[in-house]
PDB file of N, CA and C in Angstrom:
ATOM      1  N   MET A   1      34.434  -3.688  16.514  1.00  0.00           N
ATOM      2  CA  MET A   1      33.724  -5.087  16.437  1.00  0.00           C
ATOM      3  C   MET A   1      32.274  -5.000  16.547  1.00  0.00           C
ATOM      4  N   PRO A   2      31.550  -5.641  15.803  1.00  0.00           N
ATOM      5  CA  PRO A   2      30.029  -5.666  15.936  1.00  0.00           C
ATOM      6  C   PRO A   2      29.700  -6.527  17.247  1.00  0.00           C
ATOM      7  N   TYR A   3      28.572  -6.315  17.687  1.00  0.00           N
ATOM      8  CA  TYR A   3      28.012  -7.069  18.855  1.00  0.00           C
ATOM      9  C   TYR A   3      26.948  -7.970  18.444  1.00  0.00           C
ATOM     10  N   VAL A   4      26.495  -7.821  17.213  1.00  0.00           N
ATOM     11  CA  VAL A   4      25.386  -8.645  16.518  1.00  0.00           C
ATOM     12  C   VAL A   4      25.843  -9.363  15.342  1.00  0.00           C
ATOM     13  N   PHE A   5      25.148 -10.437  15.005  1.00  0.00           N
ATOM     14  CA  PHE A   5      25.382 -11.160  13.700  1.00  0.00           C
ATOM     15  C   PHE A   5      24.094 -11.003  12.864  1.00  0.00           C
ATOM     16  N   THR A   6      24.486 -11.141  11.502  1.00  0.00           N
ATOM     17  CA  THR A   6      23.312 -11.241  10.643  1.00  0.00           C
ATOM     18  C   THR A   6      22.773 -12.609  10.557  1.00  0.00           C
ATOM     19  N   GLU A   7      21.764 -13.004   9.896  1.00  0.00           N
ATOM     20  CA  GLU A   7      21.244 -14.297   9.765  1.00  0.00           C
ATOM     21  C   GLU A   7      22.425 -15.218   9.257  1.00  0.00           C
ATOM     22  N   HIS A   8      22.996 -14.694   8.171  1.00  0.00           N
ATOM     23  CA  HIS A   8      24.128 -15.394   7.651  1.00  0.00           C
ATOM     24  C   HIS A   8      25.389 -15.697   8.503  1.00  0.00           C
ATOM     25  N   GLY A   9      25.655 -14.619   9.216  1.00  0.00           N
ATOM     26  CA  GLY A   9      26.774 -14.700  10.120  1.00  0.00           C
ATOM     27  C   GLY A   9      26.543 -15.685  11.230  1.00  0.00           C
ATOM     28  N   VAL A  10      25.361 -15.884  11.702  1.00  0.00           N
ATOM     29  CA  VAL A  10      25.021 -16.910  12.659  1.00  0.00           C
ATOM     30  C   VAL A  10      25.185 -18.349  12.055  1.00  0.00           C
ATOM     31  N   LEU A  11      24.903 -18.550  10.936  1.00  0.00           N
ATOM     32  CA  LEU A  11      24.972 -19.744  10.166  1.00  0.00           C
ATOM     33  C   LEU A  11      26.542 -20.057  10.080  1.00  0.00           C
ATOM     34  N   GLN A  12      27.376 -19.101   9.710  1.00  0.00           N
ATOM     35  CA  GLN A  12      28.766 -19.181   9.430  1.00  0.00           C
ATOM     36  C   GLN A  12      29.484 -19.453  10.793  1.00  0.00           C
ATOM     37  N   ALA A  13      29.038 -18.733  11.812  1.00  0.00           N
ATOM     38  CA  ALA A  13      29.601 -18.927  13.044  1.00  0.00           C
ATOM     39  C   ALA A  13      29.340 -20.400  13.671  1.00  0.00           C
ATOM     40  N   ALA A  14      28.220 -20.977  13.324  1.00  0.00           N
ATOM     41  CA  ALA A  14      27.828 -22.192  13.811  1.00  0.00           C
ATOM     42  C   ALA A  14      28.646 -23.349  13.061  1.00  0.00           C
ATOM     43  N   ASN A  15      28.923 -23.009  11.825  1.00  0.00           N
ATOM     44  CA  ASN A  15      29.722 -23.922  10.972  1.00  0.00           C
ATOM     45  C   ASN A  15      31.242 -24.018  11.561  1.00  0.00           C
ATOM     46  N   VAL A  16      31.679 -22.948  12.010  1.00  0.00           N
ATOM     47  CA  VAL A  16      33.045 -22.815  12.501  1.00  0.00           C
ATOM     48  C   VAL A  16      33.190 -23.498  13.909  1.00  0.00           C
ATOM     49  N   ILE A  17      32.092 -23.081  14.910  1.00  0.00           N
ATOM     50  CA  ILE A  17      32.068 -23.735  16.223  1.00  0.00           C
ATOM     51  C   ILE A  17      31.357 -25.040  16.076  1.00  0.00           C
ATOM     52  N   ASN A  18      32.064 -26.119  16.232  1.00  0.00           N
ATOM     53  CA  ASN A  18      31.536 -27.462  16.208  1.00  0.00           C
ATOM     54  C   ASN A  18      30.859 -27.829  17.388  1.00  0.00           C
ATOM     55  N   SER A  19      29.667 -27.573  17.823  1.00  0.00           N
ATOM     56  CA  SER A  19      29.121 -28.175  19.115  1.00  0.00           C
ATOM     57  C   SER A  19      27.671 -28.194  18.926  1.00  0.00           C
ATOM     58  N   ASP A  20      27.059 -29.117  19.902  1.00  0.00           N
ATOM     59  CA  ASP A  20      25.531 -29.104  19.782  1.00  0.00           C
ATOM     60  C   ASP A  20      24.991 -27.802  20.179  1.00  0.00           C
ATOM     61  N   LEU A  21      25.475 -27.183  21.152  1.00  0.00           N
ATOM     62  CA  LEU A  21      24.948 -25.852  21.582  1.00  0.00           C
ATOM     63  C   LEU A  21      25.110 -24.872  20.398  1.00  0.00           C
ATOM     64  N   ALA A  22      26.151 -24.788  19.583  1.00  0.00           N
ATOM     65  CA  ALA A  22      26.259 -23.765  18.646  1.00  0.00           C
ATOM     66  C   ALA A  22      25.153 -24.086  17.572  1.00  0.00           C
ATOM     67  N   ASP A  23      24.916 -25.364  17.219  1.00  0.00           N
ATOM     68  CA  ASP A  23      23.916 -25.743  16.333  1.00  0.00           C
ATOM     69  C   ASP A  23      22.448 -25.320  16.794  1.00  0.00           C
ATOM     70  N   LYS A  24      22.244 -25.613  17.995  1.00  0.00           N
ATOM     71  CA  LYS A  24      20.720 -25.222  18.671  1.00  0.00           C
ATOM     72  C   LYS A  24      20.706 -23.757  18.597  1.00  0.00           C
ATOM     73  N   VAL A  25      21.651 -22.939  19.029  1.00  0.00           N
ATOM     74  CA  VAL A  25      21.620 -21.566  18.972  1.00  0.00           C
ATOM     75  C   VAL A  25      21.439 -20.898  17.676  1.00  0.00           C
ATOM     76  N   SER A  26      22.230 -21.454  16.734  1.00  0.00           N
ATOM     77  CA  SER A  26      22.018 -20.939  15.325  1.00  0.00           C
ATOM     78  C   SER A  26      20.722 -21.247  14.788  1.00  0.00           C
ATOM     79  N   VAL A  27      20.162 -22.416  15.074  1.00  0.00           N
ATOM     80  CA  VAL A  27      18.648 -22.733  14.678  1.00  0.00           C
ATOM     81  C   VAL A  27      17.710 -21.643  15.336  1.00  0.00           C
ATOM     82  N   PHE A  28      17.828 -21.455  16.574  1.00  0.00           N
ATOM     83  CA  PHE A  28      17.019 -20.556  17.188  1.00  0.00           C
ATOM     84  C   PHE A  28      17.066 -19.194  16.764  1.00  0.00           C
ATOM     85  N   VAL A  29      18.241 -18.662  16.498  1.00  0.00           N
ATOM     86  CA  VAL A  29      18.515 -17.293  16.022  1.00  0.00           C
ATOM     87  C   VAL A  29      17.965 -17.192  14.685  1.00  0.00           C
ATOM     88  N   ILE A  30      18.317 -18.138  13.655  1.00  0.00           N
ATOM     89  CA  ILE A  30      17.798 -18.106  12.354  1.00  0.00           C
ATOM     90  C   ILE A  30      16.231 -18.065  12.342  1.00  0.00           C
ATOM     91  N   ARG A  31      15.585 -18.949  13.277  1.00  0.00           N
ATOM     92  CA  ARG A  31      14.198 -18.880  13.267  1.00  0.00           C
ATOM     93  C   ARG A  31      13.676 -17.534  13.835  1.00  0.00           C
ATOM     94  N   ALA A  32      14.499 -16.813  14.724  1.00  0.00           N
ATOM     95  CA  ALA A  32      14.044 -15.552  15.171  1.00  0.00           C
ATOM     96  C   ALA A  32      14.119 -14.651  14.065  1.00  0.00           C
ATOM     97  N   PHE A  33      15.178 -14.718  13.192  1.00  0.00           N
ATOM     98  CA  PHE A  33      15.230 -13.753  11.894  1.00  0.00           C
ATOM     99  C   PHE A  33      14.000 -13.984  11.015  1.00  0.00           C
ATOM    100  N   ILE A  34      13.620 -15.359  10.896  1.00  0.00           N
ATOM    101  CA  ILE A  34      12.590 -15.531  10.075  1.00  0.00           C
ATOM    102  C   ILE A  34      11.230 -14.918  10.495  1.00  0.00           C
ATOM    103  N   GLU A  35      11.009 -15.211  11.846  1.00  0.00           N
ATOM    104  CA  GLU A  35       9.837 -14.560  12.457  1.00  0.00           C
ATOM    105  C   GLU A  35       9.730 -13.185  12.445  1.00  0.00           C
ATOM    106  N   MET A  36      10.982 -12.477  12.648  1.00  0.00           N
ATOM    107  CA  MET A  36      11.086 -11.075  12.629  1.00  0.00           C
ATOM    108  C   MET A  36      10.675 -10.586  11.203  1.00  0.00           C
ATOM    109  N   ARG A  37      11.203 -11.205  10.271  1.00  0.00           N
ATOM    110  CA  ARG A  37      10.964 -10.861   8.797  1.00  0.00           C
ATOM    111  C   ARG A  37       9.411 -10.873   8.530  1.00  0.00           C
ATOM    112  N   GLU A  38       8.716 -11.869   8.977  1.00  0.00           N
ATOM    113  CA  GLU A  38       7.358 -12.166   8.672  1.00  0.00           C
ATOM    114  C   GLU A  38       6.586 -11.160   9.493  1.00  0.00           C
ATOM    115  N   ILE A  39       6.908 -10.692  10.647  1.00  0.00           N
ATOM    116  CA  ILE A  39       6.186  -9.655  11.392  1.00  0.00           C
ATOM    117  C   ILE A  39       6.354  -8.226  10.754  1.00  0.00           C
ATOM    118  N   ILE A  40       7.680  -8.041  10.246  1.00  0.00           N
ATOM    119  CA  ILE A  40       7.761  -6.837   9.543  1.00  0.00           C
ATOM    120  C   ILE A  40       6.925  -6.738   8.182  1.00  0.00           C
ATOM    121  N   LEU A  41       6.961  -7.750   7.396  1.00  0.00           N
ATOM    122  CA  LEU A  41       6.141  -7.813   6.350  1.00  0.00           C
ATOM    123  C   LEU A  41       4.559  -7.586   6.571  1.00  0.00           C
ATOM    124  N   ALA A  42       4.169  -8.327   7.714  1.00  0.00           N
ATOM    125  CA  ALA A  42       2.762  -8.099   8.142  1.00  0.00           C
ATOM    126  C   ALA A  42       2.445  -6.742   8.313  1.00  0.00           C
ATOM    127  N   GLN A  43       3.415  -6.040   9.209  1.00  0.00           N
ATOM    128  CA  GLN A  43       3.181  -4.766   9.451  1.00  0.00           C
ATOM    129  C   GLN A  43       3.096  -3.839   8.374  1.00  0.00           C
ATOM    130  N   GLN A  44       3.977  -4.052   7.219  1.00  0.00           N
ATOM    131  CA  GLN A  44       3.952  -3.365   6.038  1.00  0.00           C
ATOM    132  C   GLN A  44       2.616  -3.513   5.354  1.00  0.00           C
ATOM    133  N   GLU A  45       2.176  -4.684   5.248  1.00  0.00           N
ATOM    134  CA  GLU A  45       0.819  -4.961   4.723  1.00  0.00           C
ATOM    135  C   GLU A  45      -0.244  -4.178   5.332  1.00  0.00           C
ATOM    136  N   ILE A  46      -0.326  -4.109   6.863  1.00  0.00           N
ATOM    137  CA  ILE A  46      -1.180  -3.164   7.482  1.00  0.00           C
ATOM    138  C   ILE A  46      -1.001  -1.794   7.152  1.00  0.00           C
ATOM    139  N   LEU A  47       0.154  -1.249   7.241  1.00  0.00           N
ATOM    140  CA  LEU A  47       0.292   0.020   6.883  1.00  0.00           C
ATOM    141  C   LEU A  47      -0.173   0.410   5.368  1.00  0.00           C
ATOM    142  N   ASP A  48       0.051  -0.480   4.451  1.00  0.00           N
ATOM    143  CA  ASP A  48      -0.319  -0.289   3.036  1.00  0.00           C
ATOM    144  C   ASP A  48      -1.886  -0.235   2.934  1.00  0.00           C
ATOM    145  N   LYS A  49      -2.599  -1.020   3.746  1.00  0.00           N
ATOM    146  CA  LYS A  49      -4.043  -1.258   3.711  1.00  0.00           C
ATOM    147  C   LYS A  49      -4.553   0.166   4.462  1.00  0.00           C
ATOM    148  N   LYS A  50      -3.913   0.508   5.489  1.00  0.00           N
ATOM    149  CA  LYS A  50      -4.386   1.674   6.171  1.00  0.00           C
ATOM    150  C   LYS A  50      -4.204   3.011   5.413  1.00  0.00           C
ATOM    151  N   THR A  51      -3.129   3.115   4.457  1.00  0.00           N
ATOM    152  CA  THR A  51      -2.887   4.074   3.578  1.00  0.00           C
ATOM    153  C   THR A  51      -4.030   4.142   2.541  1.00  0.00           C
ATOM    154  N   LYS A  52      -4.263   3.001   2.016  1.00  0.00           N
ATOM    155  CA  LYS A  52      -5.374   2.850   1.018  1.00  0.00           C
ATOM    156  C   LYS A  52      -6.759   3.221   1.585  1.00  0.00           C
ATOM    157  N   VAL A  53      -7.033   2.876   2.772  1.00  0.00           N
ATOM    158  CA  VAL A  53      -8.272   3.346   3.610  1.00  0.00           C
ATOM    159  C   VAL A  53      -8.449   4.760   3.557  1.00  0.00           C
ATOM    160  N   ARG A  54      -7.142   5.429   4.025  1.00  0.00           N
ATOM    161  CA  ARG A  54      -7.138   6.965   4.197  1.00  0.00           C
ATOM    162  C   ARG A  54      -7.306   7.483   2.782  1.00  0.00           C
ATOM    163  N   ASN A  55      -6.812   7.034   1.746  1.00  0.00           N
ATOM    164  CA  ASN A  55      -6.878   7.715   0.545  1.00  0.00           C
ATOM    165  C   ASN A  55      -8.298   7.641  -0.011  1.00  0.00           C
ATOM    166  N   THR A  56      -8.971   6.436   0.260  1.00  0.00           N
ATOM    167  CA  THR A  56     -10.394   6.394  -0.130  1.00  0.00           C
ATOM    168  C   THR A  56     -11.304   7.250   0.700  1.00  0.00           C
ATOM    169  N   GLU A  57     -10.918   7.348   1.965  1.00  0.00           N
ATOM    170  CA  GLU A  57     -11.709   8.239   2.844  1.00  0.00           C
ATOM    171  C   GLU A  57     -11.548   9.685   2.255  1.00  0.00           C
ATOM    172  N   ALA A  58     -10.399  10.046   1.929  1.00  0.00           N
ATOM    173  CA  ALA A  58     -10.072  11.426   1.505  1.00  0.00           C
ATOM    174  C   ALA A  58     -10.854  11.674   0.263  1.00  0.00           C
ATOM    175  N   GLU A  59     -10.875  10.756  -0.740  1.00  0.00           N
ATOM    176  CA  GLU A  59     -11.632  10.814  -1.966  1.00  0.00           C
ATOM    177  C   GLU A  59     -13.121  11.140  -1.710  1.00  0.00           C
ATOM    178  N   ALA A  60     -13.690  10.283  -0.693  1.00  0.00           N
ATOM    179  CA  ALA A  60     -15.099  10.347  -0.470  1.00  0.00           C
ATOM    180  C   ALA A  60     -15.405  11.681   0.334  1.00  0.00           C
ATOM    181  N   ASN A  61     -14.451  12.100   1.010  1.00  0.00           N
ATOM    182  CA  ASN A  61     -14.685  13.639   1.759  1.00  0.00           C
ATOM    183  C   ASN A  61     -14.699  14.575   0.591  1.00  0.00           C
ATOM    184  N   ASN A  62     -13.827  14.537  -0.400  1.00  0.00           N
ATOM    185  CA  ASN A  62     -13.688  15.386  -1.475  1.00  0.00           C
ATOM    186  C   ASN A  62     -15.018  15.463  -2.423  1.00  0.00           C
ATOM    187  N   LYS A  63     -15.563  14.286  -2.539  1.00  0.00           N
ATOM    188  CA  LYS A  63     -16.815  14.100  -3.395  1.00  0.00           C
ATOM    189  C   LYS A  63     -17.988  14.875  -2.621  1.00  0.00           C
ATOM    190  N   ILE A  64     -18.085  14.529  -1.353  1.00  0.00           N
ATOM    191  CA  ILE A  64     -19.139  15.155  -0.418  1.00  0.00           C
ATOM    192  C   ILE A  64     -18.995  16.632  -0.407  1.00  0.00           C
ATOM    193  N   SER A  65     -17.799  17.130  -0.358  1.00  0.00           N
ATOM    194  CA  SER A  65     -17.582  18.544  -0.314  1.00  0.00           C
ATOM    195  C   SER A  65     -18.069  19.150  -1.649  1.00  0.00           C
ATOM    196  N   GLN A  66     -17.546  18.488  -2.628  1.00  0.00           N
ATOM    197  CA  GLN A  66     -17.966  19.045  -4.097  1.00  0.00           C
ATOM    198  C   GLN A  66     -19.490  19.067  -4.152  1.00  0.00           C
ATOM    199  N   PHE A  67     -20.145  17.956  -3.698  1.00  0.00           N
ATOM    200  CA  PHE A  67     -21.425  17.870  -3.785  1.00  0.00           C
ATOM    201  C   PHE A  67     -22.168  19.031  -3.158  1.00  0.00           C
ATOM    202  N   PHE A  68     -21.776  19.277  -1.913  1.00  0.00           N
ATOM    203  CA  PHE A  68     -22.320  20.416  -1.190  1.00  0.00           C
ATOM    204  C   PHE A  68     -22.132  21.756  -1.744  1.00  0.00           C
ATOM    205  N   GLN A  69     -20.927  21.960  -2.411  1.00  0.00           N
ATOM    206  CA  GLN A  69     -20.623  23.097  -3.081  1.00  0.00           C
ATOM    207  C   GLN A  69     -21.462  23.369  -4.281  1.00  0.00           C
ATOM    208  N   ASP A  70     -21.786  22.205  -5.007  1.00  0.00           N
ATOM    209  CA  ASP A  70     -22.563  22.400  -6.159  1.00  0.00           C
ATOM    210  C   ASP A  70     -24.016  22.544  -5.890  1.00  0.00           C
ATOM    211  N   ILE A  71     -24.497  21.990  -4.734  1.00  0.00           N
ATOM    212  CA  ILE A  71     -25.832  22.004  -4.479  1.00  0.00           C
ATOM    213  C   ILE A  71     -26.230  23.325  -3.671  1.00  0.00           C
ATOM    214  N   LYS A  72     -25.397  23.914  -2.847  1.00  0.00           N
ATOM    215  CA  LYS A  72     -25.513  25.016  -2.143  1.00  0.00           C
ATOM    216  C   LYS A  72     -26.157  26.239  -2.908  1.00  0.00           C
ATOM    217  N   PRO A  73     -25.731  26.640  -4.172  1.00  0.00           N
ATOM    218  CA  PRO A  73     -26.429  27.722  -4.771  1.00  0.00           C
ATOM    219  C   PRO A  73     -27.863  27.334  -5.159  1.00  0.00           C
ATOM    220  N   LYS A  74     -27.978  26.196  -5.482  1.00  0.00           N
ATOM    221  CA  LYS A  74     -29.381  25.723  -5.987  1.00  0.00           C
ATOM    222  C   LYS A  74     -30.553  25.879  -4.831  1.00  0.00           C
ATOM    223  N   LEU A  75     -29.962  25.678  -3.612  1.00  0.00           N
ATOM    224  CA  LEU A  75     -30.735  25.670  -2.497  1.00  0.00           C
ATOM    225  C   LEU A  75     -31.336  27.138  -2.191  1.00  0.00           C
ATOM    226  N   TYR A  76     -30.396  28.238  -2.454  1.00  0.00           N
ATOM    227  CA  TYR A  76     -30.659  29.501  -2.308  1.00  0.00           C
ATOM    228  C   TYR A  76     -31.527  30.089  -3.340  1.00  0.00           C
TER     229      TYR A  76
END
């Protein structure tokens, strides 16, 4: 038997158990799921931006390296 509920499972359990406490707990848990989902999405956006910055940095480093390789023979 599982020891956790999904967001939908909490709602279904609250519908079966008719009490004020079940309603309050289900609302609390569903809000926690929503907040957790928002945090995960925000972290994914940060990781995507970080990857984009790293790719841009790598491209800039490659261009600088290429520049020095091209200019080195001309300096000698």
